[in-house]
Every structure is written in structure tokens, then in C-alpha cells.
Amino acid sequence: MRLYLVCCGLLLTIGNAWAQYAVTVQIIDGKTKEPVIGAAVFLPATNRGGMTDAGGRVRLTDIPTGPQTLRISSLNYQTKEKLLTFPRPDSSRVEVIDVEPTSIGLQGVVVSATRTDSRIEDSPVRVEVLGLEEVEERTGMAPANISQMLAETPGV
């Protein structure tokens, strides 16, 4: 009888060790409380993860028992990690996690141009000039086919 109870106890313990859990996570903006679309939610220990939908939600499955770290990252938001322990007391509850927006400083773009006195004939690159008469002649044959005219022009 004692052996029977020990075997039953071992089977129950092994069943819990193999148990897999799931969690639904909603990622929201820490300031506006709006859902964050396209945030990556990742469990590094299991190599499982997903992307949030239009409601900021993602469901992760096959999570093993014990403490697991969720890593949340999204463009324009600070990466956040949150520790969750499985099994959850209320597995149907959606875990809401807020992430803080961050600003990315970009350097300015400077566009400059100069005017030169060089002539088209002096250019080292082949340049083809289409005169008004030539354009009218070619479009007169096939008015809607400007792409064909450009394809037949050398250097374009």
C-alpha cells in the first residue's frame, strides 16, 4: 500500500513538472494608456514570443512552471522586463504592462545645392535632351505610352 501511495505521489509531481501554462499580455503606453501595436513580447528562457495586435494584446503559450521573465520592446518605447511566476493565481486574467515612451534624438539633415556654369556637352555622363517636337511626335503615335518613349531613349 505504501508503495502505491509513493507511486501516485510521484506521478502527480511529474504531471506538475510537465505542465505548460499560457498568459495573455496587454501592452499599453504609460502616458496615454493607449495600446501599443506591434510590440515584441519575448520569454528569453523559452525562446517563445509574439507581437501585439491592434488591441496591444498577445497570447503566449507553453510556458513552463516557475518564475519567467517577460521582455517587452517596441520602437519609441523603453525596453521593459517583468517577472511572472507560473502557474498564475488567475490564469484567465489579462496581464497589463505599461511601457514608457522614449524619444530618439536624430541629427539634422542638411541639403545643399549649387549652381554651375557647366554645359550639358561638358558633362562626363551621357545626357539625352528630348525636344518639344520629338516628344509631340512620339506621343502622337501612341499618346498613352510615355514609358515606351522613355525606354527607346538612350541613357534613360
C-alpha atoms as a PDB file:
ATOM      1  CA  MET A   1       0.000   0.000   0.000  1.00  0.00           C
ATOM      2  CA  ARG A   2       2.856   2.349   0.896  1.00  0.00           C
ATOM      3  CA  LEU A   3       4.498   1.705  -2.487  1.00  0.00           C
ATOM      4  CA  TYR A   4       1.208   2.506  -4.205  1.00  0.00           C
ATOM      5  CA  LEU A   5       0.935   5.896  -2.431  1.00  0.00           C
ATOM      6  CA  VAL A   6       4.563   6.769  -3.251  1.00  0.00           C
ATOM      7  CA  CYS A   7       3.984   5.954  -6.942  1.00  0.00           C
ATOM      8  CA  CYS A   8       0.807   8.059  -7.029  1.00  0.00           C
ATOM      9  CA  GLY A   9       2.659  10.960  -5.381  1.00  0.00           C
ATOM     10  CA  LEU A  10       5.473  10.736  -7.948  1.00  0.00           C
ATOM     11  CA  LEU A  11       3.008  10.682 -10.836  1.00  0.00           C
ATOM     12  CA  LEU A  12       1.272  13.804  -9.528  1.00  0.00           C
ATOM     13  CA  THR A  13       4.623  15.576  -9.107  1.00  0.00           C
ATOM     14  CA  ILE A  14       5.771  14.649 -12.611  1.00  0.00           C
ATOM     15  CA  GLY A  15       2.450  15.883 -14.015  1.00  0.00           C
ATOM     16  CA  ASN A  16       3.033  19.317 -12.461  1.00  0.00           C
ATOM     17  CA  ALA A  17       6.598  19.429 -13.767  1.00  0.00           C
ATOM     18  CA  TRP A  18       5.370  18.842 -17.326  1.00  0.00           C
ATOM     19  CA  ALA A  19       2.509  21.302 -17.000  1.00  0.00           C
ATOM     20  CA  GLN A  20       2.536  24.100 -19.546  1.00  0.00           C
ATOM     21  CA  TYR A  21       0.827  27.400 -18.948  1.00  0.00           C
ATOM     22  CA  ALA A  22      -0.366  30.338 -21.017  1.00  0.00           C
ATOM     23  CA  VAL A  23      -0.700  34.056 -20.405  1.00  0.00           C
ATOM     24  CA  THR A  24      -2.358  36.916 -22.268  1.00  0.00           C
ATOM     25  CA  VAL A  25      -0.470  40.190 -22.022  1.00  0.00           C
ATOM     26  CA  GLN A  26      -1.662  43.669 -22.984  1.00  0.00           C
ATOM     27  CA  ILE A  27       0.977  46.333 -23.565  1.00  0.00           C
ATOM     28  CA  ILE A  28      -0.140  49.949 -23.073  1.00  0.00           C
ATOM     29  CA  ASP A  29       1.550  53.339 -23.342  1.00  0.00           C
ATOM     30  CA  GLY A  30       2.492  54.559 -19.868  1.00  0.00           C
ATOM     31  CA  LYS A  31       1.360  58.129 -20.564  1.00  0.00           C
ATOM     32  CA  THR A  32      -1.662  57.864 -22.844  1.00  0.00           C
ATOM     33  CA  LYS A  33      -2.849  54.408 -21.698  1.00  0.00           C
ATOM     34  CA  GLU A  34      -3.397  53.522 -25.374  1.00  0.00           C
ATOM     35  CA  PRO A  35      -2.498  50.005 -26.620  1.00  0.00           C
ATOM     36  CA  VAL A  36       0.958  49.631 -28.148  1.00  0.00           C
ATOM     37  CA  ILE A  37       0.610  47.932 -31.533  1.00  0.00           C
ATOM     38  CA  GLY A  38       3.467  45.745 -32.784  1.00  0.00           C
ATOM     39  CA  ALA A  39       5.376  45.450 -29.511  1.00  0.00           C
ATOM     40  CA  ALA A  40       7.583  42.364 -29.210  1.00  0.00           C
ATOM     41  CA  VAL A  41       6.892  40.268 -26.097  1.00  0.00           C
ATOM     42  CA  PHE A  42       9.537  37.588 -25.522  1.00  0.00           C
ATOM     43  CA  LEU A  43      10.318  34.908 -22.928  1.00  0.00           C
ATOM     44  CA  PRO A  44      14.128  34.566 -23.146  1.00  0.00           C
ATOM     45  CA  ALA A  45      14.247  31.292 -21.172  1.00  0.00           C
ATOM     46  CA  THR A  46      11.905  29.504 -23.584  1.00  0.00           C
ATOM     47  CA  ASN A  47      12.624  31.335 -26.870  1.00  0.00           C
ATOM     48  CA  ARG A  48       8.887  31.970 -27.181  1.00  0.00           C
ATOM     49  CA  GLY A  49       7.335  35.271 -28.040  1.00  0.00           C
ATOM     50  CA  GLY A  50       4.910  37.202 -30.160  1.00  0.00           C
ATOM     51  CA  MET A  51       3.830  40.605 -31.425  1.00  0.00           C
ATOM     52  CA  THR A  52       0.935  42.601 -30.023  1.00  0.00           C
ATOM     53  CA  ASP A  53      -2.197  43.057 -32.141  1.00  0.00           C
ATOM     54  CA  ALA A  54      -4.303  46.193 -32.686  1.00  0.00           C
ATOM     55  CA  GLY A  55      -5.536  45.985 -29.097  1.00  0.00           C
ATOM     56  CA  GLY A  56      -1.988  45.696 -27.732  1.00  0.00           C
ATOM     57  CA  ARG A  57      -2.561  42.040 -26.766  1.00  0.00           C
ATOM     58  CA  VAL A  58      -0.525  38.908 -27.317  1.00  0.00           C
ATOM     59  CA  ARG A  59      -1.023  35.354 -26.011  1.00  0.00           C
ATOM     60  CA  LEU A  60       1.999  33.272 -25.066  1.00  0.00           C
ATOM     61  CA  THR A  61       1.606  29.512 -24.619  1.00  0.00           C
ATOM     62  CA  ASP A  62       3.677  26.526 -23.493  1.00  0.00           C
ATOM     63  CA  ILE A  63       5.234  28.399 -20.582  1.00  0.00           C
ATOM     64  CA  PRO A  64       6.893  26.106 -18.026  1.00  0.00           C
ATOM     65  CA  THR A  65       6.294  26.192 -14.281  1.00  0.00           C
ATOM     66  CA  GLY A  66       8.230  28.678 -12.192  1.00  0.00           C
ATOM     67  CA  PRO A  67       9.391  32.267 -12.493  1.00  0.00           C
ATOM     68  CA  GLN A  68       9.680  33.567 -16.070  1.00  0.00           C
ATOM     69  CA  THR A  69      10.933  36.944 -17.285  1.00  0.00           C
ATOM     70  CA  LEU A  70       8.918  38.734 -19.966  1.00  0.00           C
ATOM     71  CA  ARG A  71      10.910  41.154 -22.133  1.00  0.00           C
ATOM     72  CA  ILE A  72       8.864  43.836 -23.893  1.00  0.00           C
ATOM     73  CA  SER A  73      10.387  46.018 -26.600  1.00  0.00           C
ATOM     74  CA  SER A  74       8.944  48.377 -29.169  1.00  0.00           C
ATOM     75  CA  LEU A  75      10.137  51.227 -31.316  1.00  0.00           C
ATOM     76  CA  ASN A  76       9.925  54.572 -29.446  1.00  0.00           C
ATOM     77  CA  TYR A  77       9.483  52.800 -26.071  1.00  0.00           C
ATOM     78  CA  GLN A  78      11.944  51.779 -23.393  1.00  0.00           C
ATOM     79  CA  THR A  79      12.591  48.035 -23.166  1.00  0.00           C
ATOM     80  CA  LYS A  80      10.956  46.594 -20.059  1.00  0.00           C
ATOM     81  CA  GLU A  81      11.295  43.297 -18.237  1.00  0.00           C
ATOM     82  CA  LYS A  82       8.697  41.862 -15.881  1.00  0.00           C
ATOM     83  CA  LEU A  83       8.942  38.735 -13.738  1.00  0.00           C
ATOM     84  CA  LEU A  84       5.878  36.469 -13.726  1.00  0.00           C
ATOM     85  CA  THR A  85       5.518  33.220 -11.791  1.00  0.00           C
ATOM     86  CA  PHE A  86       3.628  30.268 -13.258  1.00  0.00           C
ATOM     87  CA  PRO A  87       1.111  28.893 -12.530  1.00  0.00           C
ATOM     88  CA  ARG A  88      -0.757  32.204 -12.197  1.00  0.00           C
ATOM     89  CA  PRO A  89      -3.385  32.537  -9.438  1.00  0.00           C
ATOM     90  CA  ASP A  90      -5.955  33.666 -12.018  1.00  0.00           C
ATOM     91  CA  SER A  91      -4.892  32.282 -15.387  1.00  0.00           C
ATOM     92  CA  SER A  92      -7.781  33.930 -17.258  1.00  0.00           C
ATOM     93  CA  ARG A  93      -6.743  37.445 -16.198  1.00  0.00           C
ATOM     94  CA  VAL A  94      -5.017  39.639 -18.791  1.00  0.00           C
ATOM     95  CA  GLU A  95      -1.637  40.895 -17.542  1.00  0.00           C
ATOM     96  CA  VAL A  96      -1.497  44.627 -18.321  1.00  0.00           C
ATOM     97  CA  ILE A  97       2.015  46.062 -18.640  1.00  0.00           C
ATOM     98  CA  ASP A  98       2.732  49.714 -19.316  1.00  0.00           C
ATOM     99  CA  VAL A  99       5.828  50.866 -21.167  1.00  0.00           C
ATOM    100  CA  GLU A 100       7.315  54.341 -21.084  1.00  0.00           C
ATOM    101  CA  PRO A 101       7.790  56.275 -24.311  1.00  0.00           C
ATOM    102  CA  THR A 102      11.273  57.408 -25.168  1.00  0.00           C
ATOM    103  CA  SER A 103      12.481  59.995 -27.611  1.00  0.00           C
ATOM    104  CA  ILE A 104      15.194  59.300 -30.109  1.00  0.00           C
ATOM    105  CA  GLY A 105      17.361  62.275 -30.925  1.00  0.00           C
ATOM    106  CA  LEU A 106      18.221  62.436 -34.583  1.00  0.00           C
ATOM    107  CA  GLN A 107      20.800  64.708 -36.116  1.00  0.00           C
ATOM    108  CA  GLY A 108      19.563  67.285 -38.570  1.00  0.00           C
ATOM    109  CA  VAL A 109      19.740  66.722 -42.288  1.00  0.00           C
ATOM    110  CA  VAL A 110      21.391  69.409 -44.377  1.00  0.00           C
ATOM    111  CA  VAL A 111      20.522  69.667 -48.044  1.00  0.00           C
ATOM    112  CA  SER A 112      22.662  71.948 -50.155  1.00  0.00           C
ATOM    113  CA  ALA A 113      22.859  72.703 -53.852  1.00  0.00           C
ATOM    114  CA  THR A 114      24.997  74.841 -56.080  1.00  0.00           C
ATOM    115  CA  ARG A 115      24.535  76.252 -59.497  1.00  0.00           C
ATOM    116  CA  THR A 116      27.249  75.696 -62.004  1.00  0.00           C
ATOM    117  CA  ASP A 117      28.089  77.230 -65.322  1.00  0.00           C
ATOM    118  CA  SER A 118      28.953  73.891 -66.909  1.00  0.00           C
ATOM    119  CA  ARG A 119      27.183  72.908 -70.095  1.00  0.00           C
ATOM    120  CA  ILE A 120      25.445  69.612 -70.851  1.00  0.00           C
ATOM    121  CA  GLU A 121      28.027  68.951 -73.557  1.00  0.00           C
ATOM    122  CA  ASP A 122      30.817  69.113 -70.944  1.00  0.00           C
ATOM    123  CA  SER A 123      29.179  66.510 -68.661  1.00  0.00           C
ATOM    124  CA  PRO A 124      31.073  63.182 -68.375  1.00  0.00           C
ATOM    125  CA  VAL A 125      27.736  61.349 -68.169  1.00  0.00           C
ATOM    126  CA  ARG A 126      25.614  60.728 -71.238  1.00  0.00           C
ATOM    127  CA  VAL A 127      22.697  63.160 -71.272  1.00  0.00           C
ATOM    128  CA  GLU A 128      19.852  62.964 -73.765  1.00  0.00           C
ATOM    129  CA  VAL A 129      17.713  66.035 -74.333  1.00  0.00           C
ATOM    130  CA  LEU A 130      14.247  65.486 -75.731  1.00  0.00           C
ATOM    131  CA  GLY A 131      12.945  68.495 -77.587  1.00  0.00           C
ATOM    132  CA  LEU A 132       9.306  69.521 -77.718  1.00  0.00           C
ATOM    133  CA  GLU A 133       8.923  68.419 -81.337  1.00  0.00           C
ATOM    134  CA  GLU A 134      10.326  64.956 -80.616  1.00  0.00           C
ATOM    135  CA  VAL A 135       8.043  64.464 -77.598  1.00  0.00           C
ATOM    136  CA  GLU A 136       4.982  65.576 -79.593  1.00  0.00           C
ATOM    137  CA  GLU A 137       5.927  63.290 -82.471  1.00  0.00           C
ATOM    138  CA  ARG A 138       6.446  60.218 -80.278  1.00  0.00           C
ATOM    139  CA  THR A 139       3.344  60.798 -78.145  1.00  0.00           C
ATOM    140  CA  GLY A 140       1.298  61.458 -81.295  1.00  0.00           C
ATOM    141  CA  MET A 141       1.912  57.865 -82.391  1.00  0.00           C
ATOM    142  CA  ALA A 142       0.973  56.344 -79.031  1.00  0.00           C
ATOM    143  CA  PRO A 143      -0.388  59.080 -76.737  1.00  0.00           C
ATOM    144  CA  ALA A 144      -0.764  56.949 -73.608  1.00  0.00           C
ATOM    145  CA  ASN A 145       2.616  55.269 -73.832  1.00  0.00           C
ATOM    146  CA  ILE A 146       5.188  57.699 -72.451  1.00  0.00           C
ATOM    147  CA  SER A 147       7.045  54.829 -70.764  1.00  0.00           C
ATOM    148  CA  GLN A 148       7.759  53.303 -74.199  1.00  0.00           C
ATOM    149  CA  MET A 149       9.139  56.625 -75.412  1.00  0.00           C
ATOM    150  CA  LEU A 150      11.481  56.770 -72.417  1.00  0.00           C
ATOM    151  CA  ALA A 151      12.519  53.141 -72.908  1.00  0.00           C
ATOM    152  CA  GLU A 152      13.524  53.865 -76.521  1.00  0.00           C
ATOM    153  CA  THR A 153      15.572  56.907 -75.496  1.00  0.00           C
ATOM    154  CA  PRO A 154      19.245  56.014 -74.897  1.00  0.00           C
ATOM    155  CA  GLY A 155      20.646  56.877 -71.472  1.00  0.00           C
ATOM    156  CA  VAL A 156      17.315  56.786 -69.639  1.00  0.00           C
END
